[in-house]
Amino acid sequence: METIARYIMFAGIALFLIGGGIFLASKFGIPLGRLPGDIRIEGENGSFYFPLTSSILVSVVLTVLASLIVKFSKSQIEGRYG
């Protein structure tokens, strides 16, 4: 049961950090969702929107952050046990 609780807490922290990042991006003027390359098709009966460039940008940033976290955690583990 403790394992599930930990995963839920980490997911909550991750969501909080993602929300804070989006909030800061809007405060600093980074137009996520309105970048060149985001697809927007509007017609008479509806519209379609796919933020392609914004998705790629967020993916690259999260990949860099995840790799830094993994690298840092491996160095901490090796320093502790190596």
C-alpha atoms as a PDB file:
ATOM      1  CA  MET A   1       0.000   0.000   0.000  1.00  0.00           C
ATOM      2  CA  GLU A   2       2.893   2.359   0.714  1.00  0.00           C
ATOM      3  CA  THR A   3       4.209   1.878  -2.821  1.00  0.00           C
ATOM      4  CA  ILE A   4       0.923   3.001  -4.354  1.00  0.00           C
ATOM      5  CA  ALA A   5       0.851   6.019  -2.059  1.00  0.00           C
ATOM      6  CA  ARG A   6       4.377   6.969  -3.151  1.00  0.00           C
ATOM      7  CA  TYR A   7       3.473   6.715  -6.829  1.00  0.00           C
ATOM      8  CA  ILE A   8       0.403   8.881  -6.299  1.00  0.00           C
ATOM      9  CA  MET A   9       2.464  11.483  -4.439  1.00  0.00           C
ATOM     10  CA  PHE A  10       5.116  11.538  -7.193  1.00  0.00           C
ATOM     11  CA  ALA A  11       2.391  11.879  -9.832  1.00  0.00           C
ATOM     12  CA  GLY A  12       0.903  14.799  -7.905  1.00  0.00           C
ATOM     13  CA  ILE A  13       4.282  16.490  -7.628  1.00  0.00           C
ATOM     14  CA  ALA A  14       4.896  15.947 -11.348  1.00  0.00           C
ATOM     15  CA  LEU A  15       1.512  17.457 -12.247  1.00  0.00           C
ATOM     16  CA  PHE A  16       2.199  20.407  -9.964  1.00  0.00           C
ATOM     17  CA  LEU A  17       5.576  21.026 -11.624  1.00  0.00           C
ATOM     18  CA  ILE A  18       4.110  20.713 -15.125  1.00  0.00           C
ATOM     19  CA  GLY A  19       1.347  23.180 -14.229  1.00  0.00           C
ATOM     20  CA  GLY A  20       3.896  25.570 -12.764  1.00  0.00           C
ATOM     21  CA  GLY A  21       6.007  25.299 -15.900  1.00  0.00           C
ATOM     22  CA  ILE A  22       3.051  26.108 -18.115  1.00  0.00           C
ATOM     23  CA  PHE A  23       2.140  29.021 -15.863  1.00  0.00           C
ATOM     24  CA  LEU A  24       5.691  30.391 -15.992  1.00  0.00           C
ATOM     25  CA  ALA A  25       5.843  29.911 -19.762  1.00  0.00           C
ATOM     26  CA  SER A  26       2.759  32.084 -20.157  1.00  0.00           C
ATOM     27  CA  LYS A  27       4.169  34.704 -17.768  1.00  0.00           C
ATOM     28  CA  PHE A  28       7.455  34.907 -19.708  1.00  0.00           C
ATOM     29  CA  GLY A  29       5.628  35.207 -23.030  1.00  0.00           C
ATOM     30  CA  ILE A  30       6.376  31.758 -24.464  1.00  0.00           C
ATOM     31  CA  PRO A  31       3.312  31.160 -26.666  1.00  0.00           C
ATOM     32  CA  LEU A  32       2.800  27.425 -26.110  1.00  0.00           C
ATOM     33  CA  GLY A  33      -0.077  26.360 -28.292  1.00  0.00           C
ATOM     34  CA  ARG A  34       0.389  29.294 -30.662  1.00  0.00           C
ATOM     35  CA  LEU A  35       3.815  28.551 -32.146  1.00  0.00           C
ATOM     36  CA  PRO A  36       4.512  28.446 -35.882  1.00  0.00           C
ATOM     37  CA  GLY A  37       3.862  24.886 -37.011  1.00  0.00           C
ATOM     38  CA  ASP A  38       0.859  24.333 -34.769  1.00  0.00           C
ATOM     39  CA  ILE A  39      -1.932  23.108 -37.021  1.00  0.00           C
ATOM     40  CA  ARG A  40      -5.234  24.974 -36.931  1.00  0.00           C
ATOM     41  CA  ILE A  41      -8.032  24.344 -39.419  1.00  0.00           C
ATOM     42  CA  GLU A  42     -11.263  26.271 -39.022  1.00  0.00           C
ATOM     43  CA  GLY A  43     -14.342  25.660 -41.103  1.00  0.00           C
ATOM     44  CA  GLU A  44     -17.986  26.605 -41.072  1.00  0.00           C
ATOM     45  CA  ASN A  45     -19.100  23.544 -39.108  1.00  0.00           C
ATOM     46  CA  GLY A  46     -16.184  23.130 -36.737  1.00  0.00           C
ATOM     47  CA  SER A  47     -12.509  23.431 -36.164  1.00  0.00           C
ATOM     48  CA  PHE A  48      -9.467  21.213 -35.705  1.00  0.00           C
ATOM     49  CA  TYR A  49      -6.398  22.133 -33.689  1.00  0.00           C
ATOM     50  CA  PHE A  50      -3.210  20.125 -33.156  1.00  0.00           C
ATOM     51  CA  PRO A  51      -0.258  21.826 -31.412  1.00  0.00           C
ATOM     52  CA  LEU A  52       2.494  19.951 -33.281  1.00  0.00           C
ATOM     53  CA  THR A  53       5.407  22.333 -32.655  1.00  0.00           C
ATOM     54  CA  SER A  54       4.396  22.934 -29.045  1.00  0.00           C
ATOM     55  CA  SER A  55       4.236  19.163 -28.458  1.00  0.00           C
ATOM     56  CA  ILE A  56       7.709  18.670 -29.916  1.00  0.00           C
ATOM     57  CA  LEU A  57       9.138  21.515 -27.822  1.00  0.00           C
ATOM     58  CA  VAL A  58       7.628  20.158 -24.596  1.00  0.00           C
ATOM     59  CA  SER A  59       8.855  16.658 -25.470  1.00  0.00           C
ATOM     60  CA  VAL A  60      12.431  17.855 -25.984  1.00  0.00           C
ATOM     61  CA  VAL A  61      12.434  19.813 -22.724  1.00  0.00           C
ATOM     62  CA  LEU A  62      11.019  16.878 -20.736  1.00  0.00           C
ATOM     63  CA  THR A  63      13.512  14.467 -22.339  1.00  0.00           C
ATOM     64  CA  VAL A  64      16.442  16.688 -21.343  1.00  0.00           C
ATOM     65  CA  LEU A  65      15.101  17.036 -17.793  1.00  0.00           C
ATOM     66  CA  ALA A  66      14.511  13.288 -17.452  1.00  0.00           C
ATOM     67  CA  SER A  67      18.009  12.460 -18.701  1.00  0.00           C
ATOM     68  CA  LEU A  68      19.533  14.938 -16.246  1.00  0.00           C
ATOM     69  CA  ILE A  69      17.542  13.434 -13.385  1.00  0.00           C
ATOM     70  CA  VAL A  70      18.606   9.898 -14.333  1.00  0.00           C
ATOM     71  CA  LYS A  71      22.238  10.965 -14.704  1.00  0.00           C
ATOM     72  CA  PHE A  72      22.173  12.748 -11.342  1.00  0.00           C
ATOM     73  CA  SER A  73      20.503   9.844  -9.559  1.00  0.00           C
ATOM     74  CA  LYS A  74      23.008   7.341 -11.034  1.00  0.00           C
ATOM     75  CA  SER A  75      25.941   9.440  -9.855  1.00  0.00           C
ATOM     76  CA  GLN A  76      24.405   9.635  -6.386  1.00  0.00           C
ATOM     77  CA  ILE A  77      23.912   5.850  -6.279  1.00  0.00           C
ATOM     78  CA  GLU A  78      27.446   5.179  -7.560  1.00  0.00           C
ATOM     79  CA  GLY A  79      28.878   7.630  -5.018  1.00  0.00           C
ATOM     80  CA  ARG A  80      27.003   5.926  -2.228  1.00  0.00           C
ATOM     81  CA  TYR A  81      27.757   2.316  -3.177  1.00  0.00           C
ATOM     82  CA  GLY A  82      30.770   2.526  -5.459  1.00  0.00           C
END
